[in-house]
N, C-alpha and C. Protein backbone atom coordinates (compact mmCIF):
# COMPACT_ATOMS: atom_id res chain seq x y z
N MET A 1 108.97 232.68 1.86
CA MET A 1 107.82 233.00 1.01
C MET A 1 106.68 232.00 1.28
N GLU A 2 105.51 232.54 1.59
CA GLU A 2 104.37 231.69 1.88
C GLU A 2 103.71 231.20 0.59
N PRO A 3 103.26 229.95 0.56
CA PRO A 3 102.60 229.45 -0.64
C PRO A 3 101.25 230.12 -0.87
N ILE A 4 100.84 230.21 -2.13
CA ILE A 4 99.51 230.70 -2.48
C ILE A 4 98.47 229.62 -2.18
N ILE A 5 98.84 228.36 -2.43
CA ILE A 5 97.97 227.22 -2.16
C ILE A 5 98.73 226.21 -1.31
N ARG A 6 98.08 225.73 -0.27
CA ARG A 6 98.64 224.64 0.54
C ARG A 6 97.56 223.57 0.70
N VAL A 7 97.84 222.39 0.20
CA VAL A 7 96.91 221.25 0.30
C VAL A 7 97.57 220.18 1.15
N ASP A 8 96.84 219.71 2.17
CA ASP A 8 97.42 218.76 3.12
C ASP A 8 96.48 217.57 3.32
N HIS A 9 96.91 216.40 2.85
CA HIS A 9 96.18 215.14 3.04
C HIS A 9 94.72 215.24 2.58
N LEU A 10 94.54 215.80 1.39
CA LEU A 10 93.20 215.98 0.83
C LEU A 10 92.62 214.64 0.37
N VAL A 11 91.38 214.38 0.78
CA VAL A 11 90.63 213.20 0.35
C VAL A 11 89.27 213.65 -0.15
N GLN A 12 88.87 213.10 -1.29
CA GLN A 12 87.53 213.37 -1.81
C GLN A 12 86.85 212.05 -2.16
N LYS A 13 85.71 211.80 -1.51
CA LYS A 13 84.92 210.60 -1.78
C LYS A 13 83.49 211.02 -2.11
N MET A 14 82.86 210.22 -2.96
CA MET A 14 81.43 210.39 -3.23
C MET A 14 80.81 209.01 -3.14
N GLY A 15 80.00 208.82 -2.10
CA GLY A 15 79.50 207.48 -1.82
C GLY A 15 80.65 206.57 -1.46
N ARG A 16 80.71 205.44 -2.12
CA ARG A 16 81.81 204.50 -1.85
C ARG A 16 83.03 204.73 -2.74
N LYS A 17 82.93 205.64 -3.68
CA LYS A 17 84.00 205.86 -4.64
C LYS A 17 84.95 206.96 -4.16
N THR A 18 86.24 206.67 -4.20
CA THR A 18 87.26 207.65 -3.85
C THR A 18 87.82 208.27 -5.13
N PHE A 19 87.82 209.59 -5.20
CA PHE A 19 88.33 210.29 -6.37
C PHE A 19 89.75 210.82 -6.15
N LEU A 20 90.02 211.32 -4.96
CA LEU A 20 91.34 211.84 -4.60
C LEU A 20 91.70 211.27 -3.24
N ASN A 21 92.93 210.77 -3.10
CA ASN A 21 93.30 210.08 -1.87
C ASN A 21 94.64 210.59 -1.34
N ASP A 22 94.57 211.38 -0.27
CA ASP A 22 95.77 211.80 0.46
C ASP A 22 96.70 212.66 -0.39
N LEU A 23 96.16 213.71 -1.02
CA LEU A 23 96.97 214.63 -1.81
C LEU A 23 97.55 215.72 -0.92
N SER A 24 98.84 215.97 -1.08
CA SER A 24 99.52 217.06 -0.38
C SER A 24 100.47 217.76 -1.36
N PHE A 25 100.32 219.08 -1.49
CA PHE A 25 101.22 219.84 -2.36
C PHE A 25 101.06 221.33 -2.06
N GLU A 26 102.01 222.12 -2.55
CA GLU A 26 101.96 223.57 -2.41
C GLU A 26 102.18 224.21 -3.77
N VAL A 27 101.58 225.38 -3.95
CA VAL A 27 101.81 226.20 -5.14
C VAL A 27 102.34 227.54 -4.67
N MET A 28 103.51 227.93 -5.19
CA MET A 28 104.16 229.14 -4.74
C MET A 28 103.77 230.35 -5.58
N PRO A 29 103.94 231.56 -5.03
CA PRO A 29 103.59 232.77 -5.78
C PRO A 29 104.34 232.85 -7.11
N GLY A 30 103.62 233.21 -8.16
CA GLY A 30 104.23 233.36 -9.47
C GLY A 30 104.40 232.07 -10.24
N GLU A 31 103.97 230.96 -9.66
CA GLU A 31 104.18 229.66 -10.30
C GLU A 31 103.05 229.36 -11.29
N CYS A 32 103.41 228.60 -12.33
CA CYS A 32 102.43 228.03 -13.24
C CYS A 32 102.40 226.52 -12.95
N PHE A 33 101.44 226.12 -12.14
CA PHE A 33 101.37 224.74 -11.66
C PHE A 33 100.36 223.97 -12.48
N GLY A 34 100.80 222.90 -13.12
CA GLY A 34 99.92 222.09 -13.94
C GLY A 34 99.32 220.93 -13.18
N VAL A 35 98.06 220.65 -13.45
CA VAL A 35 97.40 219.44 -12.93
C VAL A 35 97.09 218.58 -14.14
N PHE A 36 97.83 217.50 -14.30
CA PHE A 36 97.72 216.66 -15.49
C PHE A 36 97.10 215.30 -15.15
N GLY A 37 96.30 214.81 -16.10
CA GLY A 37 95.77 213.46 -15.96
C GLY A 37 94.89 213.15 -17.15
N THR A 38 94.73 211.88 -17.43
CA THR A 38 93.81 211.47 -18.49
C THR A 38 92.38 211.56 -17.96
N ARG A 39 91.42 211.27 -18.83
CA ARG A 39 90.01 211.40 -18.49
C ARG A 39 89.65 210.57 -17.25
N GLY A 40 88.96 211.21 -16.30
CA GLY A 40 88.47 210.49 -15.13
C GLY A 40 89.46 210.34 -13.98
N THR A 41 90.60 211.05 -14.06
CA THR A 41 91.60 210.91 -13.00
C THR A 41 91.42 211.91 -11.86
N GLY A 42 90.48 212.85 -12.01
CA GLY A 42 90.19 213.75 -10.89
C GLY A 42 90.63 215.18 -11.06
N LYS A 43 91.05 215.57 -12.28
CA LYS A 43 91.50 216.94 -12.50
C LYS A 43 90.43 217.96 -12.16
N THR A 44 89.25 217.77 -12.75
CA THR A 44 88.17 218.72 -12.53
C THR A 44 87.69 218.68 -11.08
N THR A 45 87.69 217.51 -10.48
CA THR A 45 87.34 217.39 -9.06
C THR A 45 88.25 218.26 -8.21
N LEU A 46 89.56 218.19 -8.48
CA LEU A 46 90.52 218.99 -7.72
C LEU A 46 90.34 220.47 -7.99
N VAL A 47 90.16 220.84 -9.24
CA VAL A 47 89.95 222.25 -9.59
C VAL A 47 88.73 222.81 -8.86
N HIS A 48 87.63 222.05 -8.84
CA HIS A 48 86.41 222.53 -8.18
C HIS A 48 86.61 222.68 -6.67
N ILE A 49 87.42 221.83 -6.07
CA ILE A 49 87.72 221.97 -4.64
C ILE A 49 88.53 223.23 -4.40
N LEU A 50 89.59 223.44 -5.18
CA LEU A 50 90.44 224.62 -5.00
C LEU A 50 89.67 225.91 -5.21
N ALA A 51 88.71 225.88 -6.11
CA ALA A 51 87.92 227.08 -6.41
C ALA A 51 86.77 227.28 -5.44
N GLY A 52 86.55 226.33 -4.54
CA GLY A 52 85.47 226.45 -3.59
C GLY A 52 84.11 226.10 -4.17
N VAL A 53 84.10 225.44 -5.33
CA VAL A 53 82.84 225.02 -5.94
C VAL A 53 82.28 223.78 -5.23
N ASP A 54 83.17 222.84 -4.90
CA ASP A 54 82.77 221.61 -4.23
C ASP A 54 83.42 221.50 -2.85
N ARG A 55 82.69 220.91 -1.91
CA ARG A 55 83.26 220.58 -0.62
C ARG A 55 84.09 219.32 -0.76
N PHE A 56 84.95 219.05 0.23
CA PHE A 56 85.79 217.86 0.18
C PHE A 56 85.62 217.05 1.46
N THR A 57 86.01 215.80 1.39
CA THR A 57 85.73 214.85 2.47
C THR A 57 86.59 215.09 3.70
N SER A 58 87.90 215.20 3.50
CA SER A 58 88.80 215.41 4.64
C SER A 58 90.11 216.03 4.16
N GLY A 59 90.92 216.45 5.11
CA GLY A 59 92.16 217.14 4.81
C GLY A 59 92.02 218.64 5.00
N GLU A 60 93.04 219.38 4.61
CA GLU A 60 93.02 220.83 4.73
C GLU A 60 93.44 221.48 3.42
N VAL A 61 92.76 222.56 3.07
CA VAL A 61 93.12 223.36 1.90
C VAL A 61 93.17 224.82 2.33
N GLU A 62 94.32 225.44 2.09
CA GLU A 62 94.51 226.85 2.44
C GLU A 62 94.89 227.60 1.17
N ILE A 63 94.17 228.66 0.87
CA ILE A 63 94.42 229.47 -0.32
C ILE A 63 94.54 230.93 0.07
N LEU A 64 95.63 231.55 -0.35
CA LEU A 64 95.89 232.96 -0.03
C LEU A 64 95.78 233.20 1.47
N GLY A 65 96.28 232.22 2.24
CA GLY A 65 96.30 232.33 3.69
C GLY A 65 94.98 232.05 4.38
N THR A 66 93.98 231.59 3.62
CA THR A 66 92.66 231.34 4.17
C THR A 66 92.33 229.85 4.16
N ASN A 67 91.87 229.33 5.29
CA ASN A 67 91.34 227.97 5.34
C ASN A 67 89.98 228.00 4.64
N ILE A 68 89.87 227.32 3.50
CA ILE A 68 88.67 227.51 2.68
C ILE A 68 87.43 226.84 3.28
N ARG A 69 87.60 226.02 4.31
CA ARG A 69 86.44 225.49 5.03
C ARG A 69 85.82 226.55 5.94
N LYS A 70 86.62 227.53 6.34
CA LYS A 70 86.17 228.50 7.33
C LYS A 70 85.79 229.86 6.74
N SER A 71 86.30 230.16 5.53
CA SER A 71 86.03 231.48 4.96
C SER A 71 86.12 231.42 3.44
N GLU A 72 85.36 232.29 2.78
CA GLU A 72 85.42 232.39 1.33
C GLU A 72 86.05 233.72 0.89
N LYS A 73 86.71 234.41 1.79
CA LYS A 73 87.24 235.72 1.44
C LYS A 73 88.32 235.65 0.36
N TYR A 74 88.97 234.49 0.22
CA TYR A 74 89.99 234.33 -0.81
C TYR A 74 89.40 234.47 -2.22
N LYS A 75 88.09 234.25 -2.36
CA LYS A 75 87.47 234.31 -3.68
C LYS A 75 87.49 235.71 -4.29
N ARG A 76 87.71 236.72 -3.46
CA ARG A 76 87.83 238.09 -3.99
C ARG A 76 89.04 238.21 -4.91
N ASP A 77 90.05 237.40 -4.65
CA ASP A 77 91.30 237.47 -5.41
C ASP A 77 91.50 236.25 -6.30
N LEU A 78 90.39 235.59 -6.65
CA LEU A 78 90.44 234.38 -7.46
C LEU A 78 89.77 234.59 -8.81
N GLY A 79 90.40 234.07 -9.86
CA GLY A 79 89.77 234.00 -11.17
C GLY A 79 89.61 232.54 -11.53
N LEU A 80 88.49 232.19 -12.16
CA LEU A 80 88.19 230.78 -12.43
C LEU A 80 87.61 230.62 -13.83
N LEU A 81 88.15 229.64 -14.56
CA LEU A 81 87.58 229.24 -15.84
C LEU A 81 87.40 227.72 -15.79
N THR A 82 86.16 227.28 -15.72
CA THR A 82 85.87 225.85 -15.59
C THR A 82 85.72 225.21 -16.97
N GLN A 83 85.78 223.89 -17.01
CA GLN A 83 85.59 223.18 -18.27
C GLN A 83 84.14 223.28 -18.75
N GLU A 84 83.21 223.34 -17.80
CA GLU A 84 81.80 223.50 -18.15
C GLU A 84 81.53 224.97 -18.49
N ARG A 85 80.65 225.19 -19.42
CA ARG A 85 80.31 226.57 -19.79
C ARG A 85 79.54 227.23 -18.65
N SER A 86 80.02 228.37 -18.19
CA SER A 86 79.44 228.99 -17.00
C SER A 86 79.03 230.45 -17.20
N LEU A 87 79.16 230.97 -18.41
CA LEU A 87 78.73 232.34 -18.65
C LEU A 87 77.20 232.41 -18.77
N PHE A 88 76.67 233.62 -18.74
CA PHE A 88 75.21 233.82 -18.74
C PHE A 88 74.69 233.84 -20.18
N LEU A 89 73.97 232.79 -20.56
CA LEU A 89 73.55 232.61 -21.95
C LEU A 89 72.53 233.64 -22.40
N ASP A 90 71.80 234.23 -21.46
CA ASP A 90 70.78 235.21 -21.83
C ASP A 90 71.34 236.64 -21.89
N MET A 91 72.65 236.76 -21.77
CA MET A 91 73.29 238.08 -21.83
C MET A 91 74.21 238.15 -23.04
N SER A 92 74.51 239.36 -23.45
CA SER A 92 75.47 239.58 -24.54
C SER A 92 76.90 239.45 -24.00
N VAL A 93 77.85 239.51 -24.92
CA VAL A 93 79.26 239.46 -24.54
C VAL A 93 79.59 240.59 -23.56
N TYR A 94 79.19 241.82 -23.92
CA TYR A 94 79.49 242.95 -23.03
C TYR A 94 78.77 242.82 -21.69
N GLU A 95 77.51 242.41 -21.71
CA GLU A 95 76.74 242.28 -20.46
C GLU A 95 77.38 241.27 -19.52
N ASN A 96 77.95 240.19 -20.06
CA ASN A 96 78.66 239.23 -19.22
C ASN A 96 79.86 239.87 -18.55
N LEU A 97 80.66 240.57 -19.32
CA LEU A 97 81.82 241.26 -18.76
C LEU A 97 81.41 242.29 -17.71
N ASP A 98 80.41 243.07 -18.02
CA ASP A 98 79.95 244.12 -17.13
C ASP A 98 79.39 243.55 -15.83
N PHE A 99 78.60 242.49 -15.94
CA PHE A 99 77.98 241.89 -14.75
C PHE A 99 79.03 241.26 -13.85
N ILE A 100 79.97 240.51 -14.44
CA ILE A 100 81.00 239.85 -13.64
C ILE A 100 81.94 240.87 -13.02
N ALA A 101 82.25 241.92 -13.75
CA ALA A 101 83.07 242.99 -13.18
C ALA A 101 82.39 243.62 -11.97
N ALA A 102 81.07 243.83 -12.06
CA ALA A 102 80.32 244.39 -10.94
C ALA A 102 80.32 243.43 -9.75
N LEU A 103 80.15 242.13 -10.01
CA LEU A 103 80.17 241.14 -8.93
C LEU A 103 81.51 241.15 -8.19
N LYS A 104 82.59 241.38 -8.95
CA LYS A 104 83.93 241.31 -8.37
C LYS A 104 84.48 242.68 -7.98
N ASN A 105 83.63 243.71 -8.08
CA ASN A 105 84.04 245.07 -7.74
C ASN A 105 85.26 245.53 -8.53
N ALA A 106 85.32 245.13 -9.78
CA ALA A 106 86.43 245.53 -10.65
C ALA A 106 86.12 246.87 -11.30
N PRO A 107 87.11 247.74 -11.43
CA PRO A 107 86.87 249.04 -12.08
C PRO A 107 86.50 248.88 -13.54
N ARG A 108 85.74 249.81 -14.07
CA ARG A 108 85.24 249.71 -15.44
C ARG A 108 86.37 249.75 -16.47
N LYS A 109 87.47 250.40 -16.12
CA LYS A 109 88.60 250.42 -17.05
C LYS A 109 89.13 249.02 -17.33
N ASN A 110 88.94 248.12 -16.37
CA ASN A 110 89.37 246.73 -16.58
C ASN A 110 88.57 246.06 -17.69
N ILE A 111 87.29 246.43 -17.80
CA ILE A 111 86.45 245.86 -18.86
C ILE A 111 87.01 246.23 -20.23
N GLU A 112 87.32 247.51 -20.39
CA GLU A 112 87.87 247.97 -21.66
C GLU A 112 89.19 247.28 -21.97
N GLU A 113 90.00 247.10 -20.94
CA GLU A 113 91.29 246.43 -21.14
C GLU A 113 91.09 244.99 -21.62
N MET A 114 90.14 244.29 -21.02
CA MET A 114 89.88 242.90 -21.42
C MET A 114 89.33 242.82 -22.85
N ILE A 115 88.49 243.78 -23.20
CA ILE A 115 87.93 243.81 -24.56
C ILE A 115 89.04 243.92 -25.58
N GLU A 116 90.01 244.79 -25.32
CA GLU A 116 91.12 244.97 -26.26
C GLU A 116 92.05 243.77 -26.26
N ARG A 117 92.42 243.29 -25.10
CA ARG A 117 93.40 242.20 -25.02
C ARG A 117 92.89 240.91 -25.64
N PHE A 118 91.59 240.64 -25.50
CA PHE A 118 91.03 239.40 -26.03
C PHE A 118 90.28 239.60 -27.35
N GLU A 119 90.43 240.80 -27.94
CA GLU A 119 89.90 241.11 -29.26
C GLU A 119 88.40 240.79 -29.36
N LEU A 120 87.65 241.41 -28.47
CA LEU A 120 86.21 241.15 -28.38
C LEU A 120 85.35 242.32 -28.88
N ARG A 121 85.98 243.39 -29.37
CA ARG A 121 85.26 244.62 -29.69
C ARG A 121 84.09 244.38 -30.64
N GLU A 122 84.29 243.60 -31.68
CA GLU A 122 83.25 243.41 -32.69
C GLU A 122 82.15 242.45 -32.23
N LEU A 123 82.33 241.86 -31.05
CA LEU A 123 81.36 240.86 -30.58
C LEU A 123 80.51 241.35 -29.41
N LEU A 124 80.70 242.56 -28.97
CA LEU A 124 80.14 243.01 -27.70
C LEU A 124 78.62 242.90 -27.63
N LYS A 125 77.93 243.12 -28.73
CA LYS A 125 76.46 243.08 -28.71
C LYS A 125 75.90 241.68 -28.97
N GLU A 126 76.78 240.74 -29.29
CA GLU A 126 76.33 239.40 -29.63
C GLU A 126 75.92 238.62 -28.38
N PRO A 127 74.80 237.88 -28.45
CA PRO A 127 74.47 236.98 -27.33
C PRO A 127 75.43 235.80 -27.30
N ILE A 128 75.66 235.27 -26.12
CA ILE A 128 76.59 234.15 -25.96
C ILE A 128 76.22 232.98 -26.86
N THR A 129 74.94 232.78 -27.05
CA THR A 129 74.47 231.61 -27.79
C THR A 129 74.87 231.60 -29.26
N VAL A 130 75.30 232.75 -29.81
CA VAL A 130 75.65 232.77 -31.23
C VAL A 130 77.15 232.94 -31.46
N LEU A 131 77.96 232.86 -30.42
CA LEU A 131 79.41 232.90 -30.63
C LEU A 131 79.80 231.74 -31.53
N ASP A 132 80.62 232.04 -32.54
CA ASP A 132 80.79 231.07 -33.62
C ASP A 132 81.75 229.93 -33.32
N THR A 133 82.64 230.07 -32.37
CA THR A 133 83.60 229.00 -32.08
C THR A 133 83.78 228.83 -30.57
N ILE A 134 84.27 227.65 -30.19
CA ILE A 134 84.63 227.40 -28.79
C ILE A 134 85.74 228.37 -28.38
N GLY A 135 86.65 228.65 -29.30
CA GLY A 135 87.76 229.55 -29.00
C GLY A 135 87.29 230.95 -28.62
N THR A 136 86.29 231.45 -29.34
CA THR A 136 85.75 232.77 -29.02
C THR A 136 85.13 232.77 -27.63
N TYR A 137 84.39 231.71 -27.33
CA TYR A 137 83.79 231.59 -26.00
C TYR A 137 84.88 231.57 -24.93
N GLN A 138 85.95 230.80 -25.16
CA GLN A 138 87.02 230.70 -24.16
C GLN A 138 87.74 232.03 -23.97
N ARG A 139 87.90 232.79 -25.04
CA ARG A 139 88.50 234.12 -24.91
C ARG A 139 87.66 235.00 -24.00
N LEU A 140 86.35 234.97 -24.18
CA LEU A 140 85.46 235.76 -23.32
C LEU A 140 85.49 235.23 -21.89
N ALA A 141 85.44 233.91 -21.73
CA ALA A 141 85.44 233.33 -20.38
C ALA A 141 86.71 233.69 -19.62
N LEU A 142 87.85 233.69 -20.32
CA LEU A 142 89.10 234.05 -19.66
C LEU A 142 89.14 235.55 -19.35
N ALA A 143 88.61 236.34 -20.25
CA ALA A 143 88.52 237.79 -19.98
C ALA A 143 87.70 238.05 -18.72
N CYS A 144 86.59 237.33 -18.57
CA CYS A 144 85.76 237.47 -17.36
C CYS A 144 86.52 237.01 -16.12
N ALA A 145 87.31 235.96 -16.25
CA ALA A 145 88.07 235.45 -15.10
C ALA A 145 89.17 236.41 -14.67
N LEU A 146 89.67 237.21 -15.62
CA LEU A 146 90.80 238.11 -15.33
C LEU A 146 90.37 239.55 -15.06
N VAL A 147 89.08 239.84 -15.19
CA VAL A 147 88.63 241.23 -15.13
C VAL A 147 88.90 241.87 -13.77
N ASN A 148 89.00 241.08 -12.70
CA ASN A 148 89.28 241.63 -11.38
C ASN A 148 90.76 241.56 -11.02
N GLN A 149 91.62 241.27 -12.02
CA GLN A 149 93.06 241.16 -11.81
C GLN A 149 93.37 240.26 -10.60
N PRO A 150 92.97 238.99 -10.66
CA PRO A 150 93.11 238.09 -9.51
C PRO A 150 94.56 237.74 -9.20
N LYS A 151 94.82 237.47 -7.94
CA LYS A 151 96.15 237.00 -7.53
C LYS A 151 96.36 235.54 -7.94
N LEU A 152 95.26 234.79 -7.98
CA LEU A 152 95.30 233.38 -8.35
C LEU A 152 94.29 233.12 -9.46
N LEU A 153 94.73 232.47 -10.52
CA LEU A 153 93.87 232.09 -11.64
C LEU A 153 93.87 230.57 -11.77
N ILE A 154 92.68 229.98 -11.81
CA ILE A 154 92.54 228.53 -11.96
C ILE A 154 91.77 228.26 -13.25
N VAL A 155 92.37 227.47 -14.14
CA VAL A 155 91.72 227.18 -15.42
C VAL A 155 91.72 225.68 -15.67
N ASP A 156 90.66 225.20 -16.32
CA ASP A 156 90.50 223.77 -16.59
C ASP A 156 90.32 223.57 -18.09
N GLU A 157 91.30 222.92 -18.73
CA GLU A 157 91.26 222.63 -20.17
C GLU A 157 90.96 223.90 -20.98
N VAL A 158 91.77 224.92 -20.76
CA VAL A 158 91.48 226.25 -21.31
C VAL A 158 91.65 226.30 -22.84
N ILE A 159 92.52 225.47 -23.42
CA ILE A 159 92.72 225.54 -24.88
C ILE A 159 92.36 224.23 -25.58
N LYS A 160 91.62 223.37 -24.92
CA LYS A 160 91.24 222.10 -25.53
C LYS A 160 90.23 222.33 -26.65
N ASP A 161 90.52 221.76 -27.83
CA ASP A 161 89.60 221.77 -28.97
C ASP A 161 89.26 223.16 -29.50
N ILE A 162 90.17 224.12 -29.37
CA ILE A 162 89.86 225.46 -29.87
C ILE A 162 90.71 225.79 -31.10
N ASP A 163 90.30 226.81 -31.84
CA ASP A 163 91.02 227.22 -33.04
C ASP A 163 92.39 227.76 -32.69
N LEU A 164 93.30 227.70 -33.64
CA LEU A 164 94.69 228.06 -33.40
C LEU A 164 94.86 229.54 -33.07
N TYR A 165 94.04 230.40 -33.68
CA TYR A 165 94.16 231.84 -33.39
C TYR A 165 93.81 232.13 -31.93
N SER A 166 92.70 231.55 -31.45
CA SER A 166 92.30 231.77 -30.05
C SER A 166 93.32 231.12 -29.11
N ARG A 167 93.83 229.97 -29.48
CA ARG A 167 94.86 229.30 -28.67
C ARG A 167 96.07 230.21 -28.49
N ARG A 168 96.55 230.80 -29.60
CA ARG A 168 97.71 231.68 -29.51
C ARG A 168 97.43 232.87 -28.61
N LEU A 169 96.25 233.47 -28.76
CA LEU A 169 95.89 234.65 -27.98
C LEU A 169 95.77 234.30 -26.50
N ILE A 170 95.15 233.18 -26.19
CA ILE A 170 94.98 232.78 -24.79
C ILE A 170 96.32 232.47 -24.14
N ILE A 171 97.18 231.74 -24.83
CA ILE A 171 98.50 231.44 -24.26
C ILE A 171 99.30 232.71 -24.04
N LYS A 172 99.21 233.64 -24.97
CA LYS A 172 99.88 234.93 -24.82
C LYS A 172 99.41 235.65 -23.56
N GLU A 173 98.09 235.67 -23.33
CA GLU A 173 97.55 236.37 -22.17
C GLU A 173 97.88 235.66 -20.85
N LEU A 174 97.92 234.34 -20.87
CA LEU A 174 98.31 233.60 -19.66
C LEU A 174 99.77 233.88 -19.32
N LYS A 175 100.62 233.96 -20.33
CA LYS A 175 102.03 234.30 -20.09
C LYS A 175 102.15 235.70 -19.53
N GLN A 176 101.34 236.63 -20.05
CA GLN A 176 101.37 237.99 -19.55
C GLN A 176 100.89 238.06 -18.10
N TYR A 177 99.87 237.28 -17.79
CA TYR A 177 99.35 237.23 -16.42
C TYR A 177 100.45 236.77 -15.46
N LEU A 178 101.20 235.75 -15.84
CA LEU A 178 102.30 235.27 -15.00
C LEU A 178 103.42 236.31 -14.92
N ALA A 179 103.74 236.96 -16.03
CA ALA A 179 104.78 237.98 -16.04
C ALA A 179 104.42 239.15 -15.13
N ASP A 180 103.11 239.41 -14.98
CA ASP A 180 102.65 240.49 -14.11
C ASP A 180 102.59 240.09 -12.64
N GLY A 181 102.99 238.86 -12.33
CA GLY A 181 103.07 238.43 -10.94
C GLY A 181 101.94 237.53 -10.48
N GLY A 182 101.05 237.13 -11.37
CA GLY A 182 99.96 236.23 -10.99
C GLY A 182 100.43 234.80 -10.78
N THR A 183 99.58 234.01 -10.16
CA THR A 183 99.84 232.58 -9.95
C THR A 183 98.76 231.79 -10.67
N LEU A 184 99.18 230.77 -11.42
CA LEU A 184 98.27 230.04 -12.29
C LEU A 184 98.26 228.55 -11.95
N VAL A 185 97.06 227.99 -11.83
CA VAL A 185 96.87 226.54 -11.75
C VAL A 185 96.10 226.14 -13.00
N CYS A 186 96.69 225.23 -13.78
CA CYS A 186 96.13 224.88 -15.08
C CYS A 186 95.94 223.36 -15.16
N ALA A 187 94.69 222.91 -15.27
CA ALA A 187 94.40 221.49 -15.44
C ALA A 187 94.34 221.17 -16.92
N PHE A 188 94.96 220.05 -17.32
CA PHE A 188 95.03 219.71 -18.75
C PHE A 188 95.20 218.21 -18.92
N SER A 189 94.81 217.73 -20.12
CA SER A 189 94.93 216.31 -20.43
C SER A 189 95.85 216.04 -21.61
N ASN A 190 96.35 217.09 -22.25
CA ASN A 190 97.32 216.96 -23.34
C ASN A 190 98.71 217.22 -22.78
N ILE A 191 99.55 216.18 -22.77
CA ILE A 191 100.86 216.28 -22.11
C ILE A 191 101.72 217.38 -22.69
N ALA A 192 101.47 217.79 -23.95
CA ALA A 192 102.26 218.85 -24.56
C ALA A 192 102.16 220.16 -23.79
N MET A 193 101.06 220.35 -23.05
CA MET A 193 100.90 221.55 -22.24
C MET A 193 101.93 221.66 -21.14
N SER A 194 102.60 220.57 -20.82
CA SER A 194 103.62 220.58 -19.77
C SER A 194 104.72 221.59 -20.06
N HIS A 195 104.95 221.87 -21.35
CA HIS A 195 106.00 222.83 -21.73
C HIS A 195 105.81 224.18 -21.05
N TYR A 196 104.57 224.54 -20.77
CA TYR A 196 104.28 225.87 -20.23
C TYR A 196 104.31 225.91 -18.69
N MET A 197 104.46 224.76 -18.05
CA MET A 197 104.33 224.67 -16.60
C MET A 197 105.67 224.79 -15.86
N THR A 198 105.61 225.33 -14.66
CA THR A 198 106.76 225.31 -13.77
C THR A 198 106.94 223.91 -13.21
N ARG A 199 105.86 223.35 -12.69
CA ARG A 199 105.83 221.96 -12.21
C ARG A 199 104.50 221.35 -12.63
N VAL A 200 104.48 220.02 -12.64
CA VAL A 200 103.27 219.30 -13.04
C VAL A 200 102.89 218.30 -11.95
N GLY A 201 101.65 218.43 -11.46
CA GLY A 201 101.10 217.43 -10.54
C GLY A 201 100.34 216.40 -11.35
N TRP A 202 100.89 215.19 -11.46
CA TRP A 202 100.33 214.14 -12.31
C TRP A 202 99.37 213.30 -11.48
N LEU A 203 98.08 213.34 -11.84
CA LEU A 203 97.06 212.58 -11.13
C LEU A 203 96.87 211.21 -11.79
N GLU A 204 96.94 210.17 -10.96
CA GLU A 204 96.74 208.81 -11.45
C GLU A 204 96.45 207.91 -10.26
N ASN A 205 95.42 207.08 -10.41
CA ASN A 205 95.05 206.15 -9.33
C ASN A 205 94.79 206.88 -8.01
N MET A 206 94.13 208.04 -8.12
CA MET A 206 93.69 208.84 -6.96
C MET A 206 94.83 209.56 -6.24
N LYS A 207 96.07 209.40 -6.73
CA LYS A 207 97.24 210.01 -6.11
C LYS A 207 97.84 211.07 -7.02
N MET A 208 98.73 211.89 -6.45
CA MET A 208 99.44 212.89 -7.24
C MET A 208 100.94 212.75 -7.04
N ILE A 209 101.67 212.74 -8.16
CA ILE A 209 103.13 212.79 -8.14
C ILE A 209 103.56 214.10 -8.79
N ILE A 210 104.47 214.83 -8.16
CA ILE A 210 104.93 216.11 -8.66
C ILE A 210 106.17 215.92 -9.51
N TYR A 211 106.13 216.45 -10.74
CA TYR A 211 107.26 216.39 -11.66
C TYR A 211 107.65 217.79 -12.11
N THR A 212 108.89 217.95 -12.58
CA THR A 212 109.21 219.12 -13.39
C THR A 212 108.53 218.91 -14.75
N SER A 213 108.42 219.95 -15.54
CA SER A 213 107.77 219.80 -16.84
C SER A 213 108.54 218.81 -17.72
N GLU A 214 109.88 218.87 -17.67
CA GLU A 214 110.69 217.97 -18.49
C GLU A 214 110.52 216.52 -18.05
N THR A 215 110.48 216.29 -16.74
CA THR A 215 110.33 214.93 -16.23
C THR A 215 108.95 214.37 -16.55
N ALA A 216 107.94 215.21 -16.51
CA ALA A 216 106.59 214.75 -16.85
C ALA A 216 106.53 214.29 -18.30
N LEU A 217 107.14 215.06 -19.19
CA LEU A 217 107.17 214.67 -20.60
C LEU A 217 107.93 213.37 -20.81
N ALA A 218 109.04 213.22 -20.10
CA ALA A 218 109.84 212.00 -20.21
C ALA A 218 109.07 210.79 -19.68
N GLU A 219 108.33 210.98 -18.59
CA GLU A 219 107.54 209.88 -18.02
C GLU A 219 106.43 209.48 -18.98
N TRP A 220 105.80 210.45 -19.62
CA TRP A 220 104.73 210.14 -20.58
C TRP A 220 105.30 209.34 -21.76
N LYS A 221 106.46 209.77 -22.25
CA LYS A 221 107.09 209.06 -23.37
C LYS A 221 107.44 207.64 -22.97
N LYS A 222 107.94 207.48 -21.76
CA LYS A 222 108.28 206.15 -21.25
C LYS A 222 107.05 205.24 -21.20
N GLN A 223 105.92 205.80 -20.70
CA GLN A 223 104.69 205.00 -20.61
C GLN A 223 104.12 204.70 -21.99
N GLU A 224 104.23 205.66 -22.91
CA GLU A 224 103.78 205.42 -24.29
C GLU A 224 104.52 204.24 -24.91
N GLU A 225 105.83 204.24 -24.73
CA GLU A 225 106.65 203.16 -25.30
C GLU A 225 106.31 201.82 -24.65
N LEU A 226 106.04 201.86 -23.35
CA LEU A 226 105.74 200.63 -22.62
C LEU A 226 104.43 200.00 -23.08
N TYR A 227 103.41 200.84 -23.31
CA TYR A 227 102.09 200.32 -23.62
C TYR A 227 101.78 200.25 -25.11
N THR A 228 102.74 200.61 -25.96
CA THR A 228 102.53 200.48 -27.40
C THR A 228 103.43 199.42 -28.02
N GLU A 229 104.18 198.75 -27.19
CA GLU A 229 105.05 197.68 -27.69
C GLU A 229 104.20 196.48 -28.13
């Protein structure tokens, strides 16, 4: 079985500062791969590289069989939800879904499916600027990321600081996405999210160590005890 993502000796520098140093890992089809780290450890930097948002200094990154330095064709099968707000503020909820579906050549029936699954029906005419909670925004952003039924979904802090109802709905839909055969890369800073991961890539000091979800939790507990004594 070929990996969905293959990263080999990845290095990312900006000026004299190194953010990622010699990262190598693979993500297999159907896997829920976590990228964990505290603030400033490079989670978002790695997510942006995998999504093709940022270029990288050296190494190789292959996604869906494509060398991402040479081609962007893998983006047709990619869904992305970044930590920064990236929806179109001058459009309504429905217009965002419709526009992104058109960009990704997704059938219109997918729009209706996303509206129902993320419970957006009553919000369709609302402009993005008046959505009442971060959770509502994240539900729409994830619906937009999934509207083309991507083979690979990359999300960054998808449930951070959101209401419990939206959290439950988003986790339910991510589980369904995996059950339907999708592959998920999820960046997070709350170690409790490890429960949902197949494996966890722990970023620290510009390096990555791969753990099982149980081992990652145990390592966090060990470090907590060490530094709170």
